[in-house]
């Protein structure tokens, strides 16, 4: 039996979109992990050819995250398109087995 796990209780869509724009470096970085340090969301990523490196921190964004939960984003461009149709304030919930 699966249960629902609310990962992000509340976050402004604009903050998420800006965060994605900063770490993707003009769509050169796509797959990342959003790390949660209990207060901030942090992404450190590198392009596949290892020529560009990004380290971006979104301050006070992890307060809505469940402690210790990191989120893997396989395709940031697709993720950004998916959230673009949502309301201004977003809650993420996962179905966990």
C-alpha atoms as a PDB file:
ATOM      1  CA  UNK A   1       0.000   0.000   0.000  1.00  0.00           C
ATOM      2  CA  UNK A   2       1.404   3.362  -0.977  1.00  0.00           C
ATOM      3  CA  UNK A   3       1.131   6.583   0.967  1.00  0.00           C
ATOM      4  CA  UNK A   4       1.325  10.210  -0.066  1.00  0.00           C
ATOM      5  CA  UNK A   5       4.412  12.140   0.986  1.00  0.00           C
ATOM      6  CA  UNK A   6       4.092  15.908   0.820  1.00  0.00           C
ATOM      7  CA  UNK A   7       7.572  17.026  -0.244  1.00  0.00           C
ATOM      8  CA  UNK A   8       7.035  20.773  -0.538  1.00  0.00           C
ATOM      9  CA  UNK A   9       4.262  22.278   1.506  1.00  0.00           C
ATOM     10  CA  UNK A  10       4.298  25.681  -0.151  1.00  0.00           C
ATOM     11  CA  UNK A  11       6.514  27.500  -2.613  1.00  0.00           C
ATOM     12  CA  UNK A  12       6.052  30.399  -5.001  1.00  0.00           C
ATOM     13  CA  UNK A  13       6.188  29.362  -8.654  1.00  0.00           C
ATOM     14  CA  UNK A  14       8.288  32.410  -9.630  1.00  0.00           C
ATOM     15  CA  UNK A  15      11.009  31.389  -7.155  1.00  0.00           C
ATOM     16  CA  UNK A  16      11.154  27.892  -8.633  1.00  0.00           C
ATOM     17  CA  UNK A  17      11.287  29.196 -12.201  1.00  0.00           C
ATOM     18  CA  UNK A  18      14.087  31.647 -11.355  1.00  0.00           C
ATOM     19  CA  UNK A  19      16.007  28.911  -9.525  1.00  0.00           C
ATOM     20  CA  UNK A  20      15.774  26.625 -12.562  1.00  0.00           C
ATOM     21  CA  UNK A  21      16.848  29.418 -14.917  1.00  0.00           C
ATOM     22  CA  UNK A  22      19.958  30.121 -12.820  1.00  0.00           C
ATOM     23  CA  UNK A  23      21.286  26.580 -12.591  1.00  0.00           C
ATOM     24  CA  UNK A  24      20.521  25.434 -16.157  1.00  0.00           C
ATOM     25  CA  UNK A  25      23.017  27.926 -17.655  1.00  0.00           C
ATOM     26  CA  UNK A  26      21.085  28.477 -20.857  1.00  0.00           C
ATOM     27  CA  UNK A  27      19.830  24.874 -21.034  1.00  0.00           C
ATOM     28  CA  UNK A  28      23.355  23.407 -20.851  1.00  0.00           C
ATOM     29  CA  UNK A  29      22.611  21.660 -17.531  1.00  0.00           C
ATOM     30  CA  UNK A  30      19.426  19.610 -17.353  1.00  0.00           C
ATOM     31  CA  UNK A  31      19.644  16.784 -14.780  1.00  0.00           C
ATOM     32  CA  UNK A  32      20.205  17.869 -11.183  1.00  0.00           C
ATOM     33  CA  UNK A  33      19.394  17.071  -7.572  1.00  0.00           C
ATOM     34  CA  UNK A  34      17.781  19.703  -5.404  1.00  0.00           C
ATOM     35  CA  UNK A  35      19.547  19.260  -2.062  1.00  0.00           C
ATOM     36  CA  UNK A  36      17.774  20.286   1.096  1.00  0.00           C
ATOM     37  CA  UNK A  37      19.841  21.563   4.034  1.00  0.00           C
ATOM     38  CA  UNK A  38      16.758  22.369   6.164  1.00  0.00           C
ATOM     39  CA  UNK A  39      16.748  26.046   5.155  1.00  0.00           C
ATOM     40  CA  UNK A  40      18.027  26.401   1.596  1.00  0.00           C
ATOM     41  CA  UNK A  41      17.752  24.483  -1.651  1.00  0.00           C
ATOM     42  CA  UNK A  42      21.141  23.884  -3.255  1.00  0.00           C
ATOM     43  CA  UNK A  43      22.047  22.616  -6.713  1.00  0.00           C
ATOM     44  CA  UNK A  44      25.597  21.817  -7.753  1.00  0.00           C
ATOM     45  CA  UNK A  45      25.838  20.513 -11.282  1.00  0.00           C
ATOM     46  CA  UNK A  46      28.192  20.093 -14.200  1.00  0.00           C
ATOM     47  CA  UNK A  47      27.678  19.845 -17.949  1.00  0.00           C
ATOM     48  CA  UNK A  48      28.249  16.423 -19.511  1.00  0.00           C
ATOM     49  CA  UNK A  49      31.509  17.620 -21.101  1.00  0.00           C
ATOM     50  CA  UNK A  50      32.641  18.933 -17.668  1.00  0.00           C
ATOM     51  CA  UNK A  51      33.400  22.397 -19.034  1.00  0.00           C
ATOM     52  CA  UNK A  52      30.770  24.334 -17.063  1.00  0.00           C
ATOM     53  CA  UNK A  53      29.932  24.057 -13.373  1.00  0.00           C
ATOM     54  CA  UNK A  54      26.988  25.614 -11.539  1.00  0.00           C
ATOM     55  CA  UNK A  55      26.361  25.996  -7.854  1.00  0.00           C
ATOM     56  CA  UNK A  56      23.113  27.774  -7.014  1.00  0.00           C
ATOM     57  CA  UNK A  57      21.434  28.283  -3.670  1.00  0.00           C
ATOM     58  CA  UNK A  58      17.847  29.377  -3.119  1.00  0.00           C
ATOM     59  CA  UNK A  59      17.713  30.824   0.377  1.00  0.00           C
ATOM     60  CA  UNK A  60      14.849  30.019   2.739  1.00  0.00           C
ATOM     61  CA  UNK A  61      13.257  27.761   0.127  1.00  0.00           C
ATOM     62  CA  UNK A  62      13.673  24.450   1.921  1.00  0.00           C
ATOM     63  CA  UNK A  63      11.543  25.449   4.891  1.00  0.00           C
ATOM     64  CA  UNK A  64       8.555  23.864   3.180  1.00  0.00           C
ATOM     65  CA  UNK A  65      10.537  20.694   2.384  1.00  0.00           C
ATOM     66  CA  UNK A  66      10.426  17.649   4.605  1.00  0.00           C
ATOM     67  CA  UNK A  67      13.777  17.423   6.410  1.00  0.00           C
ATOM     68  CA  UNK A  68      16.359  15.302   4.647  1.00  0.00           C
ATOM     69  CA  UNK A  69      14.432  14.896   1.392  1.00  0.00           C
ATOM     70  CA  UNK A  70      16.292  15.687  -1.826  1.00  0.00           C
ATOM     71  CA  UNK A  71      14.526  15.882  -5.182  1.00  0.00           C
ATOM     72  CA  UNK A  72      16.052  14.588  -8.414  1.00  0.00           C
ATOM     73  CA  UNK A  73      15.096  16.496 -11.555  1.00  0.00           C
ATOM     74  CA  UNK A  74      15.898  14.461 -14.662  1.00  0.00           C
ATOM     75  CA  UNK A  75      14.831  17.068 -17.230  1.00  0.00           C
ATOM     76  CA  UNK A  76      14.752  20.612 -15.859  1.00  0.00           C
ATOM     77  CA  UNK A  77      13.368  22.087 -19.081  1.00  0.00           C
ATOM     78  CA  UNK A  78      10.389  19.710 -18.986  1.00  0.00           C
ATOM     79  CA  UNK A  79       9.927  20.333 -15.247  1.00  0.00           C
ATOM     80  CA  UNK A  80       9.805  24.100 -15.865  1.00  0.00           C
ATOM     81  CA  UNK A  81       7.197  23.636 -18.610  1.00  0.00           C
ATOM     82  CA  UNK A  82       5.079  21.408 -16.347  1.00  0.00           C
ATOM     83  CA  UNK A  83       4.966  23.911 -13.480  1.00  0.00           C
ATOM     84  CA  UNK A  84       4.302  26.854 -15.812  1.00  0.00           C
ATOM     85  CA  UNK A  85       0.602  25.922 -15.994  1.00  0.00           C
ATOM     86  CA  UNK A  86       0.183  25.690 -12.207  1.00  0.00           C
ATOM     87  CA  UNK A  87      -1.068  28.343  -9.825  1.00  0.00           C
ATOM     88  CA  UNK A  88       1.318  30.885  -8.247  1.00  0.00           C
ATOM     89  CA  UNK A  89       1.765  28.833  -5.066  1.00  0.00           C
ATOM     90  CA  UNK A  90       2.746  25.185  -5.427  1.00  0.00           C
ATOM     91  CA  UNK A  91       2.592  22.096  -3.234  1.00  0.00           C
ATOM     92  CA  UNK A  92       4.374  18.903  -4.375  1.00  0.00           C
ATOM     93  CA  UNK A  93       3.197  15.496  -3.237  1.00  0.00           C
ATOM     94  CA  UNK A  94       4.765  12.112  -4.060  1.00  0.00           C
ATOM     95  CA  UNK A  95       3.103   8.708  -4.044  1.00  0.00           C
ATOM     96  CA  UNK A  96       5.563   6.540  -2.083  1.00  0.00           C
ATOM     97  CA  UNK A  97       5.521   2.748  -1.727  1.00  0.00           C
END
